[in-house]
Amino acid sequence: MKEVALITGAASGIGYEFAKLAFGQGYDLALIDINEEGLIEKQKELGTLGKGNVQYLPVNLAKDGAAIEIFDWLNSEKLQVTILFNNAGFGNFGYFKETSWEKDEAMLKVHMVTTTHLTKLLLPGMIERGKGKILNNASVAAFVPGPLMSTYHASKAYLLSFTQALANE
């Protein structure tokens, strides 16, 4: 069975760049993003390289149950993840008292809840197989408080702390 890299936020930016690197190193890809059109485009672009299999699943990582939806899809496609790149994210700028709770809540779910749940679901298989890597994209924002981006910085601090704790475990 070929090794698979699962990348969230894969339709653009750092996620897509990581997908190209992993694909170039021989990994099959499982691309996750809310942007289905972007995923289709990236699948076509990568497919022209002819190096392996590129599959995608459009998922809103802010919705309840997103991690289970991804996990169930991986199982149905018989994909065993060797590299998990929790990359998806976005920011919310403005005074906390004035920003949208709905956008803050969605961001917290993407950065913290779904990332943690997806890691919880995939880590046991990696340990059982004796092979796997998890990369969580935290940001330099994790190291300092961020006025006008308070929830973004706080969520990235959580992600950094979570990642460091897992590395020690």
N, C-alpha and C. Protein backbone atom coordinates (compact mmCIF):
# COMPACT_ATOMS: atom_id res chain seq x y z
N MET A 1 0.84 -1.18 0.00
CA MET A 1 0.00 0.00 0.00
C MET A 1 0.89 1.25 0.00
N LYS A 2 0.59 2.17 -0.89
CA LYS A 2 1.39 3.38 -1.02
C LYS A 2 1.12 4.32 0.15
N GLU A 3 2.13 5.06 0.56
CA GLU A 3 1.98 6.00 1.67
C GLU A 3 1.17 7.21 1.24
N VAL A 4 0.36 7.72 2.17
CA VAL A 4 -0.56 8.81 1.88
C VAL A 4 -0.26 10.00 2.77
N ALA A 5 -0.25 11.18 2.16
CA ALA A 5 -0.17 12.44 2.90
C ALA A 5 -1.55 13.09 2.86
N LEU A 6 -2.13 13.34 4.02
CA LEU A 6 -3.40 14.04 4.13
C LEU A 6 -3.11 15.48 4.48
N ILE A 7 -3.65 16.39 3.69
CA ILE A 7 -3.37 17.81 3.88
C ILE A 7 -4.68 18.57 3.94
N THR A 8 -4.90 19.29 5.04
CA THR A 8 -6.07 20.16 5.13
C THR A 8 -5.67 21.55 4.63
N GLY A 9 -6.62 22.27 4.10
CA GLY A 9 -6.31 23.57 3.52
C GLY A 9 -5.43 23.41 2.29
N ALA A 10 -5.73 22.38 1.47
CA ALA A 10 -4.85 21.98 0.38
C ALA A 10 -5.13 22.66 -0.95
N ALA A 11 -6.18 23.45 -1.05
CA ALA A 11 -6.55 24.03 -2.34
C ALA A 11 -5.73 25.27 -2.70
N SER A 12 -4.92 25.75 -1.77
CA SER A 12 -4.13 26.95 -2.06
C SER A 12 -3.02 27.12 -1.03
N GLY A 13 -2.17 28.09 -1.27
CA GLY A 13 -1.17 28.51 -0.30
C GLY A 13 -0.22 27.42 0.17
N ILE A 14 0.11 27.46 1.46
CA ILE A 14 1.05 26.52 2.05
C ILE A 14 0.59 25.08 1.88
N GLY A 15 -0.70 24.84 2.02
CA GLY A 15 -1.22 23.48 1.87
C GLY A 15 -0.95 22.91 0.50
N TYR A 16 -1.17 23.70 -0.53
CA TYR A 16 -0.92 23.22 -1.89
C TYR A 16 0.57 23.04 -2.14
N GLU A 17 1.37 23.95 -1.63
CA GLU A 17 2.83 23.81 -1.78
C GLU A 17 3.33 22.54 -1.11
N PHE A 18 2.80 22.23 0.07
CA PHE A 18 3.17 21.00 0.76
C PHE A 18 2.71 19.78 -0.04
N ALA A 19 1.52 19.87 -0.63
CA ALA A 19 1.01 18.77 -1.45
C ALA A 19 1.97 18.49 -2.61
N LYS A 20 2.44 19.54 -3.26
CA LYS A 20 3.38 19.35 -4.37
C LYS A 20 4.66 18.68 -3.89
N LEU A 21 5.16 19.10 -2.72
CA LEU A 21 6.38 18.48 -2.18
C LEU A 21 6.16 17.01 -1.86
N ALA A 22 5.08 16.71 -1.17
CA ALA A 22 4.79 15.32 -0.79
C ALA A 22 4.60 14.45 -2.04
N PHE A 23 3.88 14.98 -3.01
CA PHE A 23 3.62 14.24 -4.24
C PHE A 23 4.93 13.97 -4.98
N GLY A 24 5.79 14.97 -5.00
CA GLY A 24 7.10 14.83 -5.63
C GLY A 24 7.99 13.80 -4.95
N GLN A 25 7.71 13.55 -3.67
CA GLN A 25 8.48 12.55 -2.93
C GLN A 25 7.82 11.17 -2.95
N GLY A 26 6.78 11.03 -3.75
CA GLY A 26 6.18 9.72 -3.95
C GLY A 26 4.95 9.39 -3.12
N TYR A 27 4.45 10.33 -2.35
CA TYR A 27 3.24 10.08 -1.56
C TYR A 27 2.00 10.22 -2.44
N ASP A 28 1.02 9.37 -2.20
CA ASP A 28 -0.32 9.63 -2.71
C ASP A 28 -0.90 10.74 -1.84
N LEU A 29 -1.89 11.44 -2.37
CA LEU A 29 -2.43 12.59 -1.64
C LEU A 29 -3.91 12.43 -1.34
N ALA A 30 -4.28 12.88 -0.15
CA ALA A 30 -5.67 13.05 0.25
C ALA A 30 -5.81 14.53 0.61
N LEU A 31 -6.42 15.28 -0.28
CA LEU A 31 -6.53 16.72 -0.13
C LEU A 31 -7.89 17.10 0.45
N ILE A 32 -7.84 17.96 1.46
CA ILE A 32 -9.06 18.40 2.13
C ILE A 32 -9.11 19.93 2.08
N ASP A 33 -10.27 20.46 1.75
CA ASP A 33 -10.47 21.91 1.74
C ASP A 33 -11.96 22.17 1.63
N ILE A 34 -12.36 23.36 2.02
CA ILE A 34 -13.77 23.76 1.85
C ILE A 34 -14.05 24.14 0.39
N ASN A 35 -13.00 24.49 -0.34
CA ASN A 35 -13.10 24.99 -1.71
C ASN A 35 -13.02 23.83 -2.71
N GLU A 36 -14.18 23.30 -3.10
CA GLU A 36 -14.20 22.14 -3.99
C GLU A 36 -13.62 22.47 -5.36
N GLU A 37 -13.94 23.64 -5.91
CA GLU A 37 -13.39 24.03 -7.21
C GLU A 37 -11.87 24.07 -7.17
N GLY A 38 -11.31 24.60 -6.08
CA GLY A 38 -9.86 24.64 -5.92
C GLY A 38 -9.27 23.25 -5.84
N LEU A 39 -9.94 22.33 -5.14
CA LEU A 39 -9.47 20.95 -5.04
C LEU A 39 -9.47 20.26 -6.40
N ILE A 40 -10.51 20.47 -7.17
CA ILE A 40 -10.60 19.87 -8.52
C ILE A 40 -9.45 20.39 -9.38
N GLU A 41 -9.22 21.68 -9.32
CA GLU A 41 -8.12 22.29 -10.09
C GLU A 41 -6.77 21.72 -9.67
N LYS A 42 -6.54 21.62 -8.37
CA LYS A 42 -5.25 21.10 -7.88
C LYS A 42 -5.08 19.63 -8.23
N GLN A 43 -6.16 18.85 -8.17
CA GLN A 43 -6.09 17.44 -8.54
C GLN A 43 -5.67 17.32 -10.02
N LYS A 44 -6.24 18.16 -10.87
CA LYS A 44 -5.88 18.14 -12.30
C LYS A 44 -4.43 18.54 -12.49
N GLU A 45 -4.00 19.61 -11.82
CA GLU A 45 -2.61 20.07 -11.95
C GLU A 45 -1.63 18.99 -11.51
N LEU A 46 -1.88 18.39 -10.38
CA LEU A 46 -0.99 17.35 -9.87
C LEU A 46 -1.07 16.09 -10.72
N GLY A 47 -2.24 15.79 -11.24
CA GLY A 47 -2.42 14.61 -12.07
C GLY A 47 -1.58 14.64 -13.33
N THR A 48 -1.28 15.82 -13.83
CA THR A 48 -0.46 15.93 -15.03
C THR A 48 0.98 15.50 -14.76
N LEU A 49 1.37 15.45 -13.50
CA LEU A 49 2.73 15.02 -13.15
C LEU A 49 2.86 13.50 -13.21
N GLY A 50 1.72 12.80 -13.13
CA GLY A 50 1.70 11.36 -13.29
C GLY A 50 2.51 10.57 -12.27
N LYS A 51 2.60 11.06 -11.05
CA LYS A 51 3.44 10.40 -10.04
C LYS A 51 2.67 9.55 -9.05
N GLY A 52 1.37 9.63 -9.06
CA GLY A 52 0.62 8.87 -8.07
C GLY A 52 -0.85 9.23 -8.09
N ASN A 53 -1.50 8.92 -6.99
CA ASN A 53 -2.94 9.09 -6.86
C ASN A 53 -3.24 10.35 -6.04
N VAL A 54 -4.14 11.17 -6.55
CA VAL A 54 -4.57 12.38 -5.85
C VAL A 54 -6.08 12.30 -5.67
N GLN A 55 -6.50 12.19 -4.42
CA GLN A 55 -7.92 12.19 -4.11
C GLN A 55 -8.24 13.40 -3.25
N TYR A 56 -9.49 13.81 -3.28
CA TYR A 56 -9.86 14.98 -2.49
C TYR A 56 -11.25 14.80 -1.90
N LEU A 57 -11.46 15.55 -0.82
CA LEU A 57 -12.77 15.59 -0.18
C LEU A 57 -13.04 17.03 0.25
N PRO A 58 -14.08 17.64 -0.31
CA PRO A 58 -14.43 18.98 0.15
C PRO A 58 -15.16 18.90 1.50
N VAL A 59 -14.60 19.56 2.50
CA VAL A 59 -15.18 19.53 3.84
C VAL A 59 -15.02 20.90 4.48
N ASN A 60 -16.07 21.34 5.14
CA ASN A 60 -16.00 22.53 5.97
C ASN A 60 -15.52 22.07 7.35
N LEU A 61 -14.27 22.36 7.68
CA LEU A 61 -13.68 21.88 8.93
C LEU A 61 -14.27 22.57 10.16
N ALA A 62 -15.10 23.56 9.96
CA ALA A 62 -15.75 24.25 11.08
C ALA A 62 -17.05 23.58 11.50
N LYS A 63 -17.50 22.62 10.71
CA LYS A 63 -18.78 21.98 11.07
C LYS A 63 -18.54 20.82 12.02
N ASP A 64 -19.50 20.59 12.88
CA ASP A 64 -19.42 19.47 13.81
C ASP A 64 -19.30 18.17 13.03
N GLY A 65 -18.43 17.29 13.49
CA GLY A 65 -18.27 15.99 12.86
C GLY A 65 -17.36 15.97 11.64
N ALA A 66 -16.68 17.07 11.35
CA ALA A 66 -15.82 17.13 10.16
C ALA A 66 -14.71 16.09 10.21
N ALA A 67 -14.09 15.92 11.37
CA ALA A 67 -12.99 14.95 11.48
C ALA A 67 -13.48 13.53 11.24
N ILE A 68 -14.64 13.20 11.75
CA ILE A 68 -15.20 11.86 11.53
C ILE A 68 -15.55 11.66 10.07
N GLU A 69 -16.07 12.69 9.42
CA GLU A 69 -16.38 12.60 7.99
C GLU A 69 -15.10 12.28 7.20
N ILE A 70 -14.01 12.95 7.53
CA ILE A 70 -12.73 12.69 6.85
C ILE A 70 -12.24 11.28 7.16
N PHE A 71 -12.28 10.89 8.41
CA PHE A 71 -11.82 9.57 8.83
C PHE A 71 -12.62 8.46 8.14
N ASP A 72 -13.93 8.62 8.08
CA ASP A 72 -14.78 7.63 7.41
C ASP A 72 -14.46 7.56 5.92
N TRP A 73 -14.23 8.71 5.30
CA TRP A 73 -13.87 8.76 3.88
C TRP A 73 -12.54 8.04 3.65
N LEU A 74 -11.55 8.30 4.50
CA LEU A 74 -10.26 7.62 4.37
C LEU A 74 -10.44 6.10 4.44
N ASN A 75 -11.23 5.65 5.38
CA ASN A 75 -11.48 4.21 5.53
C ASN A 75 -12.21 3.64 4.32
N SER A 76 -13.19 4.37 3.81
CA SER A 76 -13.95 3.88 2.65
C SER A 76 -13.07 3.80 1.40
N GLU A 77 -12.08 4.68 1.31
CA GLU A 77 -11.15 4.69 0.18
C GLU A 77 -9.93 3.82 0.43
N LYS A 78 -9.87 3.21 1.63
CA LYS A 78 -8.74 2.36 2.04
C LYS A 78 -7.41 3.12 2.00
N LEU A 79 -7.43 4.34 2.52
CA LEU A 79 -6.24 5.19 2.58
C LEU A 79 -5.68 5.19 4.00
N GLN A 80 -4.43 4.79 4.14
CA GLN A 80 -3.76 4.84 5.44
C GLN A 80 -2.81 6.04 5.43
N VAL A 81 -3.05 6.97 6.30
CA VAL A 81 -2.30 8.22 6.33
C VAL A 81 -0.96 8.02 7.04
N THR A 82 0.11 8.40 6.34
CA THR A 82 1.46 8.38 6.90
C THR A 82 1.85 9.78 7.38
N ILE A 83 1.42 10.79 6.63
CA ILE A 83 1.69 12.19 7.01
C ILE A 83 0.35 12.91 7.15
N LEU A 84 0.14 13.52 8.28
CA LEU A 84 -1.03 14.38 8.51
C LEU A 84 -0.52 15.80 8.63
N PHE A 85 -0.93 16.64 7.72
CA PHE A 85 -0.57 18.06 7.76
C PHE A 85 -1.84 18.85 8.06
N ASN A 86 -2.01 19.22 9.34
CA ASN A 86 -3.13 20.06 9.76
C ASN A 86 -2.76 21.51 9.45
N ASN A 87 -3.18 21.94 8.29
CA ASN A 87 -2.76 23.25 7.78
C ASN A 87 -3.90 24.26 7.67
N ALA A 88 -5.12 23.80 7.51
CA ALA A 88 -6.24 24.70 7.26
C ALA A 88 -6.37 25.75 8.36
N GLY A 89 -6.71 26.95 7.97
CA GLY A 89 -6.93 28.01 8.95
C GLY A 89 -7.28 29.32 8.28
N PHE A 90 -7.73 30.23 9.10
CA PHE A 90 -8.04 31.58 8.63
C PHE A 90 -8.06 32.49 9.84
N GLY A 91 -8.10 33.79 9.61
CA GLY A 91 -8.08 34.76 10.70
C GLY A 91 -9.35 35.58 10.78
N ASN A 92 -9.43 36.34 11.84
CA ASN A 92 -10.54 37.26 12.07
C ASN A 92 -9.94 38.52 12.67
N PHE A 93 -10.07 39.62 11.98
CA PHE A 93 -9.42 40.86 12.40
C PHE A 93 -10.45 41.85 12.93
N GLY A 94 -10.10 42.48 14.04
CA GLY A 94 -10.95 43.53 14.60
C GLY A 94 -10.99 43.45 16.11
N TYR A 95 -11.59 44.45 16.71
CA TYR A 95 -11.76 44.43 18.16
C TYR A 95 -12.67 43.26 18.53
N PHE A 96 -12.27 42.52 19.55
CA PHE A 96 -13.01 41.32 19.94
C PHE A 96 -14.48 41.63 20.16
N LYS A 97 -14.78 42.74 20.80
CA LYS A 97 -16.17 43.08 21.11
C LYS A 97 -17.00 43.35 19.85
N GLU A 98 -16.31 43.57 18.71
CA GLU A 98 -17.02 43.91 17.48
C GLU A 98 -17.00 42.81 16.42
N THR A 99 -16.15 41.80 16.61
CA THR A 99 -16.06 40.76 15.59
C THR A 99 -17.23 39.79 15.71
N SER A 100 -17.46 39.09 14.65
CA SER A 100 -18.56 38.13 14.57
C SER A 100 -18.25 36.88 15.39
N TRP A 101 -19.17 36.52 16.30
CA TRP A 101 -18.99 35.28 17.05
C TRP A 101 -18.98 34.08 16.10
N GLU A 102 -19.83 34.09 15.09
CA GLU A 102 -19.90 32.97 14.16
C GLU A 102 -18.54 32.73 13.49
N LYS A 103 -17.87 33.81 13.10
CA LYS A 103 -16.55 33.66 12.47
C LYS A 103 -15.51 33.21 13.50
N ASP A 104 -15.55 33.77 14.70
CA ASP A 104 -14.63 33.33 15.76
C ASP A 104 -14.83 31.85 16.07
N GLU A 105 -16.07 31.44 16.23
CA GLU A 105 -16.36 30.04 16.56
C GLU A 105 -15.88 29.11 15.45
N ALA A 106 -16.13 29.47 14.21
CA ALA A 106 -15.68 28.65 13.08
C ALA A 106 -14.16 28.53 13.08
N MET A 107 -13.47 29.63 13.34
CA MET A 107 -12.02 29.60 13.37
C MET A 107 -11.50 28.71 14.49
N LEU A 108 -12.09 28.81 15.67
CA LEU A 108 -11.68 27.98 16.80
C LEU A 108 -11.91 26.50 16.49
N LYS A 109 -13.00 26.19 15.81
CA LYS A 109 -13.27 24.80 15.44
C LYS A 109 -12.23 24.29 14.43
N VAL A 110 -11.91 25.10 13.44
CA VAL A 110 -10.93 24.69 12.43
C VAL A 110 -9.55 24.52 13.05
N HIS A 111 -9.09 25.54 13.79
CA HIS A 111 -7.73 25.53 14.34
C HIS A 111 -7.56 24.53 15.47
N MET A 112 -8.57 24.35 16.29
CA MET A 112 -8.38 23.56 17.51
C MET A 112 -9.20 22.27 17.51
N VAL A 113 -10.51 22.36 17.39
CA VAL A 113 -11.37 21.20 17.60
C VAL A 113 -11.16 20.14 16.51
N THR A 114 -11.31 20.51 15.26
CA THR A 114 -11.19 19.53 14.18
C THR A 114 -9.75 19.03 14.07
N THR A 115 -8.79 19.91 14.24
CA THR A 115 -7.38 19.50 14.20
C THR A 115 -7.08 18.47 15.28
N THR A 116 -7.54 18.73 16.48
CA THR A 116 -7.30 17.81 17.59
C THR A 116 -8.03 16.48 17.37
N HIS A 117 -9.26 16.55 16.90
CA HIS A 117 -10.04 15.34 16.68
C HIS A 117 -9.43 14.49 15.56
N LEU A 118 -9.04 15.13 14.47
CA LEU A 118 -8.42 14.41 13.36
C LEU A 118 -7.13 13.73 13.81
N THR A 119 -6.35 14.43 14.61
CA THR A 119 -5.12 13.84 15.16
C THR A 119 -5.45 12.65 16.05
N LYS A 120 -6.47 12.80 16.88
CA LYS A 120 -6.90 11.71 17.78
C LYS A 120 -7.32 10.48 16.98
N LEU A 121 -7.97 10.68 15.84
CA LEU A 121 -8.44 9.57 15.02
C LEU A 121 -7.31 8.89 14.24
N LEU A 122 -6.33 9.65 13.77
CA LEU A 122 -5.29 9.10 12.90
C LEU A 122 -4.04 8.63 13.63
N LEU A 123 -3.73 9.21 14.77
CA LEU A 123 -2.51 8.86 15.50
C LEU A 123 -2.43 7.38 15.89
N PRO A 124 -3.49 6.76 16.40
CA PRO A 124 -3.38 5.34 16.77
C PRO A 124 -2.92 4.44 15.62
N GLY A 125 -3.42 4.67 14.42
CA GLY A 125 -3.01 3.87 13.27
C GLY A 125 -1.54 4.07 12.94
N MET A 126 -1.07 5.30 13.06
CA MET A 126 0.35 5.59 12.81
C MET A 126 1.22 4.83 13.82
N ILE A 127 0.81 4.88 15.07
CA ILE A 127 1.57 4.19 16.12
C ILE A 127 1.55 2.68 15.88
N GLU A 128 0.39 2.15 15.55
CA GLU A 128 0.25 0.71 15.30
C GLU A 128 1.14 0.26 14.14
N ARG A 129 1.21 1.07 13.08
CA ARG A 129 2.04 0.73 11.91
C ARG A 129 3.51 1.07 12.13
N GLY A 130 3.82 1.80 13.21
CA GLY A 130 5.20 2.19 13.48
C GLY A 130 5.73 3.23 12.52
N LYS A 131 4.83 4.01 11.94
CA LYS A 131 5.24 4.99 10.94
C LYS A 131 4.21 6.10 10.85
N GLY A 132 4.69 7.32 10.90
CA GLY A 132 3.78 8.44 10.72
C GLY A 132 4.38 9.74 11.19
N LYS A 133 3.87 10.81 10.62
CA LYS A 133 4.31 12.16 10.99
C LYS A 133 3.09 13.06 11.04
N ILE A 134 3.11 13.98 12.00
CA ILE A 134 2.03 14.96 12.11
C ILE A 134 2.67 16.34 12.13
N LEU A 135 2.21 17.18 11.24
CA LEU A 135 2.69 18.56 11.16
C LEU A 135 1.48 19.47 11.37
N ASN A 136 1.53 20.26 12.44
CA ASN A 136 0.46 21.22 12.72
C ASN A 136 0.97 22.61 12.43
N ASN A 137 0.27 23.33 11.57
CA ASN A 137 0.68 24.68 11.18
C ASN A 137 0.17 25.68 12.22
N ALA A 138 1.07 26.10 13.11
CA ALA A 138 0.65 26.97 14.21
C ALA A 138 0.82 28.45 13.87
N SER A 139 1.96 28.90 13.40
CA SER A 139 2.21 30.31 13.09
C SER A 139 3.01 30.97 14.21
N VAL A 140 3.74 32.00 13.85
CA VAL A 140 4.46 32.78 14.86
C VAL A 140 3.49 33.49 15.79
N ALA A 141 2.24 33.58 15.37
CA ALA A 141 1.21 34.19 16.22
C ALA A 141 1.04 33.42 17.53
N ALA A 142 1.49 32.18 17.56
CA ALA A 142 1.36 31.34 18.76
C ALA A 142 2.21 31.86 19.92
N PHE A 143 3.19 32.68 19.63
CA PHE A 143 4.17 33.10 20.64
C PHE A 143 3.85 34.43 21.32
N VAL A 144 2.88 35.16 20.79
CA VAL A 144 2.58 36.50 21.34
C VAL A 144 1.07 36.74 21.35
N PRO A 145 0.61 37.56 22.29
CA PRO A 145 -0.80 37.96 22.23
C PRO A 145 -1.02 38.84 20.99
N GLY A 146 -2.20 38.82 20.48
CA GLY A 146 -2.47 39.56 19.25
C GLY A 146 -3.66 40.48 19.33
N PRO A 147 -3.46 41.69 19.81
CA PRO A 147 -4.58 42.63 19.79
C PRO A 147 -5.14 42.76 18.38
N LEU A 148 -6.42 42.82 18.26
CA LEU A 148 -7.20 42.88 17.03
C LEU A 148 -7.25 41.53 16.30
N MET A 149 -6.59 40.53 16.85
CA MET A 149 -6.68 39.15 16.34
C MET A 149 -6.58 38.20 17.52
N SER A 150 -7.27 38.53 18.59
CA SER A 150 -7.12 37.80 19.86
C SER A 150 -7.44 36.32 19.74
N THR A 151 -8.53 35.96 19.10
CA THR A 151 -8.89 34.55 19.01
C THR A 151 -7.96 33.79 18.07
N TYR A 152 -7.47 34.44 17.03
CA TYR A 152 -6.52 33.80 16.12
C TYR A 152 -5.24 33.45 16.87
N HIS A 153 -4.66 34.42 17.55
CA HIS A 153 -3.42 34.19 18.29
C HIS A 153 -3.62 33.14 19.39
N ALA A 154 -4.73 33.22 20.09
CA ALA A 154 -5.00 32.25 21.16
C ALA A 154 -5.15 30.84 20.59
N SER A 155 -5.82 30.70 19.46
CA SER A 155 -6.00 29.37 18.88
C SER A 155 -4.67 28.80 18.37
N LYS A 156 -3.81 29.65 17.88
CA LYS A 156 -2.50 29.20 17.42
C LYS A 156 -1.60 28.84 18.62
N ALA A 157 -1.76 29.53 19.73
CA ALA A 157 -1.03 29.17 20.95
C ALA A 157 -1.47 27.79 21.44
N TYR A 158 -2.76 27.52 21.37
CA TYR A 158 -3.27 26.19 21.71
C TYR A 158 -2.61 25.14 20.82
N LEU A 159 -2.60 25.40 19.53
CA LEU A 159 -2.07 24.44 18.58
C LEU A 159 -0.58 24.17 18.83
N LEU A 160 0.17 25.20 19.15
CA LEU A 160 1.59 25.02 19.47
C LEU A 160 1.76 24.18 20.73
N SER A 161 1.02 24.50 21.77
CA SER A 161 1.10 23.77 23.03
C SER A 161 0.70 22.31 22.84
N PHE A 162 -0.37 22.08 22.12
CA PHE A 162 -0.84 20.73 21.82
C PHE A 162 0.23 19.94 21.08
N THR A 163 0.82 20.55 20.09
CA THR A 163 1.85 19.89 19.27
C THR A 163 3.07 19.54 20.09
N GLN A 164 3.52 20.48 20.92
CA GLN A 164 4.69 20.22 21.77
C GLN A 164 4.41 19.10 22.78
N ALA A 165 3.21 19.09 23.31
CA ALA A 165 2.86 18.03 24.26
C ALA A 165 2.86 16.66 23.58
N LEU A 166 2.29 16.59 22.35
CA LEU A 166 2.28 15.33 21.61
C LEU A 166 3.70 14.87 21.30
N ALA A 167 4.55 15.80 20.93
CA ALA A 167 5.95 15.45 20.62
C ALA A 167 6.63 14.83 21.84
N ASN A 168 6.32 15.34 23.03
CA ASN A 168 6.90 14.78 24.24
C ASN A 168 6.30 13.43 24.60
N GLU A 169 5.05 13.21 24.24
CA GLU A 169 4.44 11.91 24.51
C GLU A 169 5.04 10.85 23.63
